[in-house]
């Protein structure tokens, strides 16, 4: 009770537009995360702290591209919301758990790497090491949920959109094809987002 059902025709008609939004949001999320990853490394190269403006001489002035960091964060939130809505409409999984894990694993890796080999030498930077451990601690509990696929299996039961009876085998084949295609679509868009963001950051930051 209280649920509305779609006919097979309306569900099929709505899915292509939703899949386009899934692809766009997956690409954009990977793009934003990669930009944030490279931007953080650039700041760490300068000692982990930069500033701009003020009446005093600044030891580590902010690079011209530092605006990429807050823009990537805000855009990532926006495209995360879009991905959740688009994935729901497309009857597929969303990327919130993978993005959460990827974000904190990537940024935690930066902290750990630069903590062990800080720019300019001077021994291990234990503060950065501690940040890296905390970031990985925030990411690791999410990883089993990503690979368990509970949300994927629960959301991709396409049989509800069709009539019951002799069409069960055909629905199962359609569901398998859709799951495979949906996963490949996300993986391709994520890979493209990473590659394009890396090239864009190098072009902007020099």
N, C-alpha and C. Protein backbone atom coordinates (compact mmCIF):
# COMPACT_ATOMS: atom_id res chain seq x y z
N UNK A 1 0.83 -1.19 0.00
CA UNK A 1 0.00 0.00 0.00
C UNK A 1 0.87 1.25 0.00
N UNK A 2 0.39 2.29 -0.65
CA UNK A 2 1.14 3.53 -0.66
C UNK A 2 2.24 3.58 -1.69
N UNK A 3 2.45 2.50 -2.47
CA UNK A 3 3.50 2.47 -3.47
C UNK A 3 2.87 2.59 -4.85
N UNK A 4 3.59 3.27 -5.72
CA UNK A 4 3.13 3.39 -7.09
C UNK A 4 3.99 2.50 -7.96
N UNK A 5 3.39 1.84 -8.93
CA UNK A 5 4.12 0.95 -9.83
C UNK A 5 4.12 1.55 -11.22
N UNK A 6 5.21 1.30 -11.92
CA UNK A 6 5.31 1.79 -13.29
C UNK A 6 5.03 0.65 -14.25
N UNK A 7 4.48 1.00 -15.36
CA UNK A 7 4.33 0.02 -16.42
C UNK A 7 5.68 -0.22 -17.07
N UNK A 8 5.88 -1.39 -17.74
CA UNK A 8 7.15 -1.63 -18.40
C UNK A 8 7.53 -0.54 -19.37
N UNK A 9 6.55 0.01 -20.09
CA UNK A 9 6.87 1.05 -21.05
C UNK A 9 7.37 2.31 -20.42
N UNK A 10 6.71 2.74 -19.32
CA UNK A 10 7.15 3.98 -18.68
C UNK A 10 8.50 3.82 -18.03
N UNK A 11 8.77 2.64 -17.43
CA UNK A 11 10.08 2.42 -16.81
C UNK A 11 11.17 2.45 -17.85
N UNK A 12 10.93 1.79 -19.01
CA UNK A 12 11.93 1.77 -20.06
C UNK A 12 12.16 3.15 -20.63
N UNK A 13 11.07 3.96 -20.70
CA UNK A 13 11.21 5.29 -21.27
C UNK A 13 11.99 6.21 -20.34
N UNK A 14 11.86 5.99 -19.03
CA UNK A 14 12.51 6.89 -18.08
C UNK A 14 13.98 6.54 -17.88
N UNK A 15 14.37 5.29 -18.11
CA UNK A 15 15.71 4.84 -17.75
C UNK A 15 16.82 5.49 -18.58
N UNK A 16 16.72 5.67 -19.90
CA UNK A 16 17.84 6.26 -20.64
C UNK A 16 18.27 7.62 -20.12
N UNK A 17 17.33 8.51 -19.82
CA UNK A 17 17.69 9.82 -19.30
C UNK A 17 18.37 9.69 -17.94
N UNK A 18 17.88 8.78 -17.11
CA UNK A 18 18.51 8.56 -15.81
C UNK A 18 19.91 8.01 -15.96
N UNK A 19 20.11 7.13 -16.92
CA UNK A 19 21.44 6.57 -17.14
C UNK A 19 22.43 7.63 -17.60
N UNK A 20 21.95 8.57 -18.40
CA UNK A 20 22.82 9.68 -18.81
C UNK A 20 23.28 10.48 -17.59
N UNK A 21 22.36 10.74 -16.67
CA UNK A 21 22.71 11.48 -15.46
C UNK A 21 23.64 10.65 -14.56
N UNK A 22 23.44 9.34 -14.53
CA UNK A 22 24.35 8.48 -13.78
C UNK A 22 25.76 8.59 -14.34
N UNK A 23 25.86 8.54 -15.67
CA UNK A 23 27.18 8.64 -16.31
C UNK A 23 27.83 9.99 -16.04
N UNK A 24 27.06 11.07 -16.17
CA UNK A 24 27.60 12.41 -15.95
C UNK A 24 28.07 12.56 -14.50
N UNK A 25 27.24 12.11 -13.56
CA UNK A 25 27.60 12.27 -12.15
C UNK A 25 28.77 11.39 -11.76
N UNK A 26 28.87 10.18 -12.32
CA UNK A 26 30.01 9.31 -12.03
C UNK A 26 31.31 9.94 -12.54
N UNK A 27 31.27 10.47 -13.77
CA UNK A 27 32.43 11.16 -14.32
C UNK A 27 32.81 12.35 -13.46
N UNK A 28 31.82 13.15 -13.08
CA UNK A 28 32.08 14.36 -12.32
C UNK A 28 32.61 14.06 -10.92
N UNK A 29 32.07 13.04 -10.27
CA UNK A 29 32.56 12.67 -8.94
C UNK A 29 34.02 12.23 -9.00
N UNK A 30 34.35 11.41 -9.99
CA UNK A 30 35.75 11.00 -10.14
C UNK A 30 36.64 12.19 -10.47
N UNK A 31 36.13 13.10 -11.30
CA UNK A 31 36.88 14.30 -11.66
C UNK A 31 37.17 15.15 -10.42
N UNK A 32 36.13 15.39 -9.61
CA UNK A 32 36.30 16.23 -8.42
C UNK A 32 37.24 15.59 -7.41
N UNK A 33 37.09 14.28 -7.19
CA UNK A 33 37.95 13.60 -6.22
C UNK A 33 39.40 13.64 -6.68
N UNK A 34 39.62 13.46 -7.97
CA UNK A 34 40.99 13.47 -8.49
C UNK A 34 41.59 14.87 -8.40
N UNK A 35 40.81 15.89 -8.69
CA UNK A 35 41.29 17.26 -8.55
C UNK A 35 41.66 17.55 -7.09
N UNK A 36 40.83 17.10 -6.16
CA UNK A 36 41.12 17.30 -4.75
C UNK A 36 42.39 16.56 -4.34
N UNK A 37 42.56 15.35 -4.85
CA UNK A 37 43.75 14.55 -4.56
C UNK A 37 45.02 15.29 -5.01
N UNK A 38 45.03 15.76 -6.26
CA UNK A 38 46.21 16.45 -6.77
C UNK A 38 46.40 17.81 -6.10
N UNK A 39 45.29 18.51 -5.83
CA UNK A 39 45.40 19.79 -5.15
C UNK A 39 46.00 19.65 -3.77
N UNK A 40 45.59 18.62 -3.04
CA UNK A 40 46.14 18.38 -1.71
C UNK A 40 47.63 18.11 -1.79
N UNK A 41 48.06 17.33 -2.77
CA UNK A 41 49.48 17.04 -2.91
C UNK A 41 50.27 18.31 -3.20
N UNK A 42 49.68 19.20 -4.00
CA UNK A 42 50.35 20.45 -4.28
C UNK A 42 50.53 21.31 -3.04
N UNK A 43 49.52 21.32 -2.17
CA UNK A 43 49.62 22.08 -0.93
C UNK A 43 50.64 21.43 0.01
N UNK A 44 50.63 20.11 0.08
CA UNK A 44 51.60 19.42 0.92
C UNK A 44 53.03 19.66 0.44
N UNK A 45 53.20 19.78 -0.86
CA UNK A 45 54.53 20.10 -1.39
C UNK A 45 55.05 21.43 -0.87
N UNK A 46 54.12 22.32 -0.55
CA UNK A 46 54.50 23.64 -0.04
C UNK A 46 54.56 23.69 1.49
N UNK A 47 54.47 22.53 2.11
CA UNK A 47 54.57 22.47 3.56
C UNK A 47 53.26 22.22 4.26
N UNK A 48 52.17 22.10 3.51
CA UNK A 48 50.89 21.80 4.11
C UNK A 48 50.07 23.01 4.51
N UNK A 49 50.62 24.21 4.30
CA UNK A 49 49.89 25.43 4.66
C UNK A 49 50.24 26.52 3.67
N UNK A 50 49.22 27.16 3.12
CA UNK A 50 49.43 28.28 2.22
C UNK A 50 48.47 29.39 2.62
N UNK A 51 48.80 30.61 2.22
CA UNK A 51 47.95 31.76 2.54
C UNK A 51 48.08 32.79 1.44
N UNK A 52 47.16 33.74 1.45
CA UNK A 52 47.17 34.81 0.46
C UNK A 52 46.67 36.08 1.12
N UNK A 53 47.18 37.23 0.67
CA UNK A 53 46.72 38.52 1.16
C UNK A 53 47.33 38.87 2.50
N UNK A 54 46.90 40.00 3.08
CA UNK A 54 47.39 40.42 4.38
C UNK A 54 48.58 41.35 4.25
N UNK A 55 48.91 42.09 5.31
CA UNK A 55 49.98 43.09 5.25
C UNK A 55 51.37 42.50 5.44
N UNK A 56 51.47 41.20 5.77
CA UNK A 56 52.75 40.61 6.09
C UNK A 56 53.25 39.73 4.95
N UNK A 57 54.55 39.54 4.93
CA UNK A 57 55.13 38.67 3.92
C UNK A 57 54.75 37.22 4.23
N UNK A 58 54.29 36.51 3.22
CA UNK A 58 53.81 35.14 3.39
C UNK A 58 54.89 34.17 2.96
N UNK A 59 55.23 33.26 3.86
CA UNK A 59 56.31 32.31 3.56
C UNK A 59 55.90 31.35 2.46
N UNK A 60 54.66 30.86 2.50
CA UNK A 60 54.17 29.94 1.48
C UNK A 60 52.92 30.53 0.84
N UNK A 61 53.09 31.38 -0.18
CA UNK A 61 51.91 31.98 -0.82
C UNK A 61 51.08 30.92 -1.51
N UNK A 62 49.78 31.14 -1.52
CA UNK A 62 48.86 30.19 -2.16
C UNK A 62 49.08 30.21 -3.67
N UNK A 63 49.18 29.04 -4.29
CA UNK A 63 49.33 29.01 -5.76
C UNK A 63 48.06 29.50 -6.44
N UNK A 64 48.20 29.86 -7.70
CA UNK A 64 47.07 30.39 -8.44
C UNK A 64 45.93 29.39 -8.57
N UNK A 65 46.25 28.10 -8.51
CA UNK A 65 45.24 27.08 -8.74
C UNK A 65 44.56 26.61 -7.46
N UNK A 66 44.84 27.24 -6.33
CA UNK A 66 44.32 26.74 -5.06
C UNK A 66 42.79 26.76 -5.02
N UNK A 67 42.15 27.58 -5.85
CA UNK A 67 40.70 27.63 -5.90
C UNK A 67 40.09 26.29 -6.33
N UNK A 68 40.91 25.45 -6.97
CA UNK A 68 40.40 24.15 -7.40
C UNK A 68 39.95 23.29 -6.22
N UNK A 69 40.57 23.47 -5.06
CA UNK A 69 40.26 22.62 -3.91
C UNK A 69 38.85 22.88 -3.39
N UNK A 70 38.49 24.13 -3.02
CA UNK A 70 37.11 24.33 -2.55
C UNK A 70 36.07 24.08 -3.62
N UNK A 71 36.39 24.41 -4.87
CA UNK A 71 35.43 24.17 -5.94
C UNK A 71 35.19 22.67 -6.11
N UNK A 72 36.25 21.87 -6.02
CA UNK A 72 36.10 20.41 -6.14
C UNK A 72 35.24 19.85 -5.01
N UNK A 73 35.42 20.37 -3.81
CA UNK A 73 34.63 19.89 -2.68
C UNK A 73 33.15 20.21 -2.86
N UNK A 74 32.85 21.46 -3.19
CA UNK A 74 31.45 21.86 -3.36
C UNK A 74 30.80 21.15 -4.54
N UNK A 75 31.53 21.05 -5.64
CA UNK A 75 30.98 20.35 -6.81
C UNK A 75 30.79 18.87 -6.51
N UNK A 76 31.69 18.29 -5.72
CA UNK A 76 31.54 16.89 -5.35
C UNK A 76 30.26 16.64 -4.57
N UNK A 77 29.93 17.53 -3.64
CA UNK A 77 28.67 17.40 -2.91
C UNK A 77 27.48 17.46 -3.86
N UNK A 78 27.51 18.42 -4.77
CA UNK A 78 26.40 18.60 -5.69
C UNK A 78 26.21 17.38 -6.59
N UNK A 79 27.31 16.88 -7.15
CA UNK A 79 27.20 15.72 -8.04
C UNK A 79 26.91 14.44 -7.26
N UNK A 80 27.28 14.40 -5.98
CA UNK A 80 26.89 13.26 -5.16
C UNK A 80 25.38 13.18 -5.00
N UNK A 81 24.75 14.32 -4.76
CA UNK A 81 23.29 14.35 -4.66
C UNK A 81 22.65 13.95 -5.99
N UNK A 82 23.21 14.47 -7.09
CA UNK A 82 22.69 14.11 -8.41
C UNK A 82 22.82 12.61 -8.65
N UNK A 83 23.94 12.03 -8.25
CA UNK A 83 24.16 10.60 -8.48
C UNK A 83 23.15 9.76 -7.71
N UNK A 84 22.84 10.15 -6.48
CA UNK A 84 21.86 9.39 -5.70
C UNK A 84 20.50 9.41 -6.39
N UNK A 85 20.06 10.60 -6.81
CA UNK A 85 18.77 10.69 -7.48
C UNK A 85 18.75 9.97 -8.81
N UNK A 86 19.81 10.12 -9.60
CA UNK A 86 19.86 9.48 -10.92
C UNK A 86 19.92 7.96 -10.79
N UNK A 87 20.69 7.47 -9.83
CA UNK A 87 20.79 6.02 -9.64
C UNK A 87 19.45 5.43 -9.21
N UNK A 88 18.73 6.16 -8.37
CA UNK A 88 17.41 5.68 -7.94
C UNK A 88 16.47 5.60 -9.13
N UNK A 89 16.49 6.62 -9.98
CA UNK A 89 15.63 6.62 -11.16
C UNK A 89 16.03 5.52 -12.13
N UNK A 90 17.33 5.25 -12.23
CA UNK A 90 17.82 4.23 -13.16
C UNK A 90 17.71 2.82 -12.59
N UNK A 91 17.29 2.70 -11.33
CA UNK A 91 17.17 1.41 -10.66
C UNK A 91 18.53 0.74 -10.51
N UNK A 92 19.55 1.53 -10.25
CA UNK A 92 20.89 1.00 -10.04
C UNK A 92 21.48 1.49 -8.73
N UNK A 93 22.72 1.10 -8.47
CA UNK A 93 23.38 1.52 -7.23
C UNK A 93 23.94 2.92 -7.39
N UNK A 94 24.08 3.62 -6.26
CA UNK A 94 24.74 4.92 -6.29
C UNK A 94 26.18 4.77 -5.82
N UNK A 95 26.94 5.85 -5.94
CA UNK A 95 28.37 5.81 -5.68
C UNK A 95 28.77 6.43 -4.35
N UNK A 96 27.83 6.64 -3.45
CA UNK A 96 28.19 7.30 -2.20
C UNK A 96 29.21 6.50 -1.41
N UNK A 97 28.98 5.19 -1.25
CA UNK A 97 29.94 4.38 -0.48
C UNK A 97 31.30 4.30 -1.17
N UNK A 98 31.38 4.02 -2.49
CA UNK A 98 32.69 4.01 -3.14
C UNK A 98 33.40 5.37 -3.09
N UNK A 99 32.65 6.46 -3.25
CA UNK A 99 33.28 7.78 -3.20
C UNK A 99 33.79 8.08 -1.79
N UNK A 100 33.00 7.73 -0.78
CA UNK A 100 33.44 7.93 0.61
C UNK A 100 34.76 7.18 0.85
N UNK A 101 34.78 5.90 0.48
CA UNK A 101 35.99 5.10 0.68
C UNK A 101 37.15 5.65 -0.15
N UNK A 102 36.89 5.96 -1.42
CA UNK A 102 37.96 6.47 -2.27
C UNK A 102 38.51 7.79 -1.81
N UNK A 103 37.63 8.67 -1.33
CA UNK A 103 38.07 9.99 -0.87
C UNK A 103 39.03 9.87 0.31
N UNK A 104 38.63 9.13 1.33
CA UNK A 104 39.46 9.07 2.53
C UNK A 104 40.68 8.18 2.35
N UNK A 105 40.59 7.17 1.49
CA UNK A 105 41.78 6.39 1.18
C UNK A 105 42.80 7.23 0.42
N UNK A 106 42.33 8.00 -0.56
CA UNK A 106 43.24 8.81 -1.37
C UNK A 106 43.89 9.92 -0.55
N UNK A 107 43.08 10.65 0.21
CA UNK A 107 43.64 11.73 1.00
C UNK A 107 44.49 11.19 2.15
N UNK A 108 44.07 10.06 2.71
CA UNK A 108 44.88 9.43 3.74
C UNK A 108 46.22 8.97 3.21
N UNK A 109 46.23 8.47 1.98
CA UNK A 109 47.49 8.08 1.35
C UNK A 109 48.42 9.28 1.22
N UNK A 110 47.87 10.41 0.82
CA UNK A 110 48.70 11.62 0.73
C UNK A 110 49.34 11.96 2.07
N UNK A 111 48.54 11.92 3.12
CA UNK A 111 49.09 12.23 4.44
C UNK A 111 50.18 11.25 4.84
N UNK A 112 49.94 9.97 4.59
CA UNK A 112 50.93 8.96 4.97
C UNK A 112 52.21 9.09 4.15
N UNK A 113 52.06 9.28 2.85
CA UNK A 113 53.24 9.41 1.99
C UNK A 113 54.09 10.62 2.36
N UNK A 114 53.42 11.76 2.52
CA UNK A 114 54.16 12.98 2.84
C UNK A 114 54.61 12.98 4.30
N UNK A 115 53.91 12.24 5.15
CA UNK A 115 54.36 12.13 6.52
C UNK A 115 55.64 11.34 6.64
N UNK A 116 55.77 10.29 5.82
CA UNK A 116 56.99 9.49 5.83
C UNK A 116 58.13 10.19 5.10
N UNK A 117 57.79 10.95 4.09
CA UNK A 117 58.81 11.68 3.32
C UNK A 117 58.38 13.14 3.16
N UNK A 118 58.45 13.90 4.23
CA UNK A 118 57.99 15.30 4.15
C UNK A 118 58.88 16.12 3.23
N UNK A 119 58.30 17.10 2.55
CA UNK A 119 59.12 17.96 1.67
C UNK A 119 60.16 18.71 2.49
N UNK A 120 61.39 18.72 2.00
CA UNK A 120 62.46 19.39 2.71
C UNK A 120 63.16 18.52 3.73
N UNK A 121 62.72 17.27 3.88
CA UNK A 121 63.37 16.37 4.84
C UNK A 121 62.98 16.70 6.26
N UNK A 122 63.87 16.41 7.19
CA UNK A 122 63.62 16.71 8.60
C UNK A 122 62.99 15.59 9.38
N UNK A 123 62.94 14.38 8.83
CA UNK A 123 62.38 13.26 9.57
C UNK A 123 60.90 13.10 9.36
N UNK A 124 60.33 12.14 10.05
CA UNK A 124 58.92 11.80 9.88
C UNK A 124 58.03 12.89 10.47
N UNK A 125 57.00 13.26 9.72
CA UNK A 125 56.01 14.24 10.20
C UNK A 125 54.87 13.47 10.84
N UNK A 126 54.94 13.30 12.16
CA UNK A 126 53.98 12.46 12.86
C UNK A 126 52.57 13.01 12.82
N UNK A 127 52.43 14.31 12.73
CA UNK A 127 51.09 14.88 12.63
C UNK A 127 50.38 14.44 11.36
N UNK A 128 51.10 14.43 10.25
CA UNK A 128 50.51 13.97 9.00
C UNK A 128 50.25 12.46 9.04
N UNK A 129 51.16 11.71 9.67
CA UNK A 129 50.94 10.28 9.81
C UNK A 129 49.64 10.02 10.58
N UNK A 130 49.43 10.76 11.66
CA UNK A 130 48.21 10.59 12.46
C UNK A 130 46.97 10.91 11.63
N UNK A 131 47.04 11.97 10.82
CA UNK A 131 45.91 12.32 9.96
C UNK A 131 45.63 11.21 8.95
N UNK A 132 46.70 10.64 8.38
CA UNK A 132 46.53 9.56 7.43
C UNK A 132 45.86 8.34 8.05
N UNK A 133 46.27 8.00 9.27
CA UNK A 133 45.67 6.86 9.96
C UNK A 133 44.18 7.12 10.23
N UNK A 134 43.85 8.32 10.66
CA UNK A 134 42.46 8.67 10.93
C UNK A 134 41.63 8.59 9.64
N UNK A 135 42.17 9.12 8.55
CA UNK A 135 41.45 9.09 7.28
C UNK A 135 41.20 7.65 6.82
N UNK A 136 42.21 6.79 6.93
CA UNK A 136 42.03 5.40 6.53
C UNK A 136 41.05 4.70 7.46
N UNK A 137 41.06 5.05 8.74
CA UNK A 137 40.11 4.47 9.68
C UNK A 137 38.68 4.84 9.30
N UNK A 138 38.50 6.01 8.71
CA UNK A 138 37.17 6.43 8.26
C UNK A 138 36.76 5.74 6.98
N UNK A 139 37.73 5.31 6.17
CA UNK A 139 37.43 4.69 4.88
C UNK A 139 37.23 3.19 4.99
N UNK A 140 38.04 2.52 5.79
CA UNK A 140 38.06 1.05 5.78
C UNK A 140 36.73 0.41 6.16
N UNK A 141 35.97 0.93 7.13
CA UNK A 141 34.69 0.26 7.44
C UNK A 141 33.69 0.26 6.30
N UNK A 142 33.85 1.16 5.34
CA UNK A 142 32.89 1.25 4.24
C UNK A 142 33.21 0.24 3.14
N UNK A 143 34.47 -0.18 3.04
CA UNK A 143 34.89 -1.03 1.92
C UNK A 143 34.13 -2.35 1.87
N UNK A 144 33.93 -3.08 2.99
CA UNK A 144 33.14 -4.33 2.88
C UNK A 144 31.74 -4.11 2.32
N UNK A 145 31.12 -2.99 2.67
CA UNK A 145 29.78 -2.72 2.15
C UNK A 145 29.80 -2.50 0.64
N UNK A 146 30.89 -1.91 0.14
CA UNK A 146 31.01 -1.67 -1.30
C UNK A 146 31.07 -2.98 -2.05
N UNK A 147 31.88 -3.93 -1.57
CA UNK A 147 32.07 -5.18 -2.28
C UNK A 147 31.00 -6.21 -1.96
N UNK A 148 30.30 -6.03 -0.84
CA UNK A 148 29.23 -6.98 -0.52
C UNK A 148 28.09 -6.88 -1.52
N UNK A 149 27.87 -5.67 -2.04
CA UNK A 149 26.86 -5.49 -3.07
C UNK A 149 25.44 -5.59 -2.59
N UNK A 150 25.20 -5.38 -1.29
CA UNK A 150 23.82 -5.48 -0.79
C UNK A 150 22.92 -4.46 -1.46
N UNK A 151 23.42 -3.22 -1.54
CA UNK A 151 22.60 -2.18 -2.16
C UNK A 151 22.38 -2.47 -3.64
N UNK A 152 23.40 -3.06 -4.29
CA UNK A 152 23.26 -3.37 -5.71
C UNK A 152 22.18 -4.42 -5.92
N UNK A 153 22.25 -5.49 -5.15
CA UNK A 153 21.26 -6.55 -5.33
C UNK A 153 19.85 -6.07 -4.97
N UNK A 154 19.76 -5.29 -3.90
CA UNK A 154 18.45 -4.84 -3.47
C UNK A 154 17.82 -3.85 -4.44
N UNK A 155 18.62 -3.00 -5.05
CA UNK A 155 18.07 -1.95 -5.90
C UNK A 155 17.86 -2.41 -7.33
N UNK A 156 18.55 -3.47 -7.74
CA UNK A 156 18.49 -3.87 -9.14
C UNK A 156 17.54 -5.04 -9.40
N UNK A 157 16.61 -5.26 -8.52
CA UNK A 157 15.62 -6.28 -8.77
C UNK A 157 14.57 -5.72 -9.73
N UNK A 158 14.83 -5.91 -10.98
CA UNK A 158 13.99 -5.28 -11.99
C UNK A 158 12.66 -6.00 -12.18
N UNK A 159 12.51 -7.18 -11.57
CA UNK A 159 11.28 -7.93 -11.78
C UNK A 159 10.04 -7.20 -11.33
N UNK A 160 10.17 -6.27 -10.36
CA UNK A 160 9.01 -5.54 -9.87
C UNK A 160 8.39 -4.67 -10.95
N UNK A 161 9.17 -4.35 -11.96
CA UNK A 161 8.65 -3.49 -13.02
C UNK A 161 7.91 -4.28 -14.10
N UNK A 162 7.88 -5.61 -13.99
CA UNK A 162 7.27 -6.43 -15.01
C UNK A 162 6.18 -7.31 -14.39
N UNK A 163 5.43 -7.92 -15.21
CA UNK A 163 4.38 -8.81 -14.73
C UNK A 163 4.98 -10.15 -14.35
N UNK A 164 4.32 -10.84 -13.41
CA UNK A 164 4.80 -12.14 -12.96
C UNK A 164 4.30 -13.22 -13.91
N UNK A 165 4.87 -14.41 -13.78
CA UNK A 165 4.41 -15.54 -14.59
C UNK A 165 5.52 -16.13 -15.41
N UNK A 166 5.24 -16.37 -16.70
CA UNK A 166 6.18 -17.07 -17.56
C UNK A 166 7.36 -16.21 -17.98
N UNK A 167 7.35 -14.90 -17.64
CA UNK A 167 8.42 -14.01 -18.07
C UNK A 167 9.58 -13.98 -17.09
N UNK A 168 9.58 -14.84 -16.06
CA UNK A 168 10.62 -14.80 -15.04
C UNK A 168 12.01 -14.99 -15.63
N UNK A 169 12.18 -15.95 -16.51
CA UNK A 169 13.50 -16.22 -17.09
C UNK A 169 13.98 -15.02 -17.91
N UNK A 170 13.09 -14.43 -18.68
CA UNK A 170 13.47 -13.27 -19.49
C UNK A 170 13.82 -12.09 -18.59
N UNK A 171 13.07 -11.89 -17.51
CA UNK A 171 13.38 -10.81 -16.57
C UNK A 171 14.76 -11.01 -15.96
N UNK A 172 15.09 -12.26 -15.63
CA UNK A 172 16.39 -12.55 -15.04
C UNK A 172 17.51 -12.23 -16.02
N UNK A 173 17.32 -12.59 -17.29
CA UNK A 173 18.34 -12.27 -18.29
C UNK A 173 18.48 -10.76 -18.45
N UNK A 174 17.37 -10.04 -18.47
CA UNK A 174 17.43 -8.59 -18.58
C UNK A 174 18.12 -7.98 -17.37
N UNK A 175 17.84 -8.52 -16.18
CA UNK A 175 18.46 -8.00 -14.97
C UNK A 175 19.96 -8.18 -15.00
N UNK A 176 20.44 -9.36 -15.43
CA UNK A 176 21.87 -9.62 -15.50
C UNK A 176 22.54 -8.69 -16.51
N UNK A 177 21.91 -8.53 -17.66
CA UNK A 177 22.48 -7.64 -18.67
C UNK A 177 22.54 -6.21 -18.15
N UNK A 178 21.48 -5.79 -17.47
CA UNK A 178 21.46 -4.43 -16.96
C UNK A 178 22.53 -4.24 -15.88
N UNK A 179 22.66 -5.19 -14.96
CA UNK A 179 23.67 -5.07 -13.91
C UNK A 179 25.06 -4.94 -14.50
N UNK A 180 25.35 -5.79 -15.50
CA UNK A 180 26.67 -5.75 -16.13
C UNK A 180 26.89 -4.42 -16.84
N UNK A 181 25.91 -4.01 -17.64
CA UNK A 181 26.04 -2.75 -18.36
C UNK A 181 26.14 -1.55 -17.43
N UNK A 182 25.36 -1.59 -16.36
CA UNK A 182 25.38 -0.47 -15.40
C UNK A 182 26.73 -0.37 -14.71
N UNK A 183 27.30 -1.51 -14.33
CA UNK A 183 28.62 -1.51 -13.69
C UNK A 183 29.69 -1.01 -14.66
N UNK A 184 29.66 -1.50 -15.91
CA UNK A 184 30.65 -1.06 -16.90
C UNK A 184 30.52 0.43 -17.16
N UNK A 185 29.29 0.93 -17.25
CA UNK A 185 29.07 2.36 -17.47
C UNK A 185 29.74 3.18 -16.37
N UNK A 186 29.53 2.78 -15.13
CA UNK A 186 30.13 3.51 -14.01
C UNK A 186 31.65 3.43 -14.04
N UNK A 187 32.19 2.25 -14.28
CA UNK A 187 33.65 2.09 -14.28
C UNK A 187 34.30 2.92 -15.39
N UNK A 188 33.69 2.91 -16.58
CA UNK A 188 34.24 3.69 -17.69
C UNK A 188 34.21 5.18 -17.38
N UNK A 189 33.10 5.66 -16.84
CA UNK A 189 32.97 7.09 -16.53
C UNK A 189 33.93 7.50 -15.41
N UNK A 190 34.10 6.63 -14.41
CA UNK A 190 35.03 6.93 -13.33
C UNK A 190 36.46 6.99 -13.86
N UNK A 191 36.83 6.01 -14.69
CA UNK A 191 38.19 6.03 -15.26
C UNK A 191 38.41 7.27 -16.11
N UNK A 192 37.40 7.64 -16.91
CA UNK A 192 37.53 8.84 -17.73
C UNK A 192 37.67 10.09 -16.88
N UNK A 193 36.89 10.15 -15.79
CA UNK A 193 36.99 11.31 -14.90
C UNK A 193 38.37 11.45 -14.28
N UNK A 194 38.97 10.32 -13.88
CA UNK A 194 40.31 10.36 -13.28
C UNK A 194 41.33 10.84 -14.29
N UNK A 195 41.27 10.30 -15.51
CA UNK A 195 42.25 10.66 -16.54
C UNK A 195 42.11 12.13 -16.93
N UNK A 196 40.88 12.56 -17.18
CA UNK A 196 40.66 13.95 -17.62
C UNK A 196 41.05 14.93 -16.51
N UNK A 197 40.72 14.60 -15.26
CA UNK A 197 41.07 15.50 -14.15
C UNK A 197 42.58 15.60 -13.97
N UNK A 198 43.28 14.50 -14.12
CA UNK A 198 44.74 14.53 -14.00
C UNK A 198 45.34 15.41 -15.07
N UNK A 199 44.88 15.27 -16.31
CA UNK A 199 45.37 16.10 -17.40
C UNK A 199 45.02 17.57 -17.17
N UNK A 200 43.78 17.81 -16.71
CA UNK A 200 43.36 19.20 -16.48
C UNK A 200 44.17 19.85 -15.36
N UNK A 201 44.42 19.11 -14.29
CA UNK A 201 45.18 19.70 -13.18
C UNK A 201 46.60 20.03 -13.63
N UNK A 202 47.21 19.14 -14.38
CA UNK A 202 48.57 19.42 -14.86
C UNK A 202 48.59 20.63 -15.79
N UNK A 203 47.54 20.77 -16.60
CA UNK A 203 47.48 21.93 -17.50
C UNK A 203 47.27 23.23 -16.74
N UNK A 204 46.47 23.18 -15.65
CA UNK A 204 46.18 24.40 -14.89
C UNK A 204 47.33 24.74 -13.95
N UNK A 205 47.83 23.71 -13.22
CA UNK A 205 48.88 23.96 -12.23
C UNK A 205 50.26 24.09 -12.84
N UNK A 206 50.44 23.54 -14.02
CA UNK A 206 51.74 23.63 -14.67
C UNK A 206 52.73 22.60 -14.18
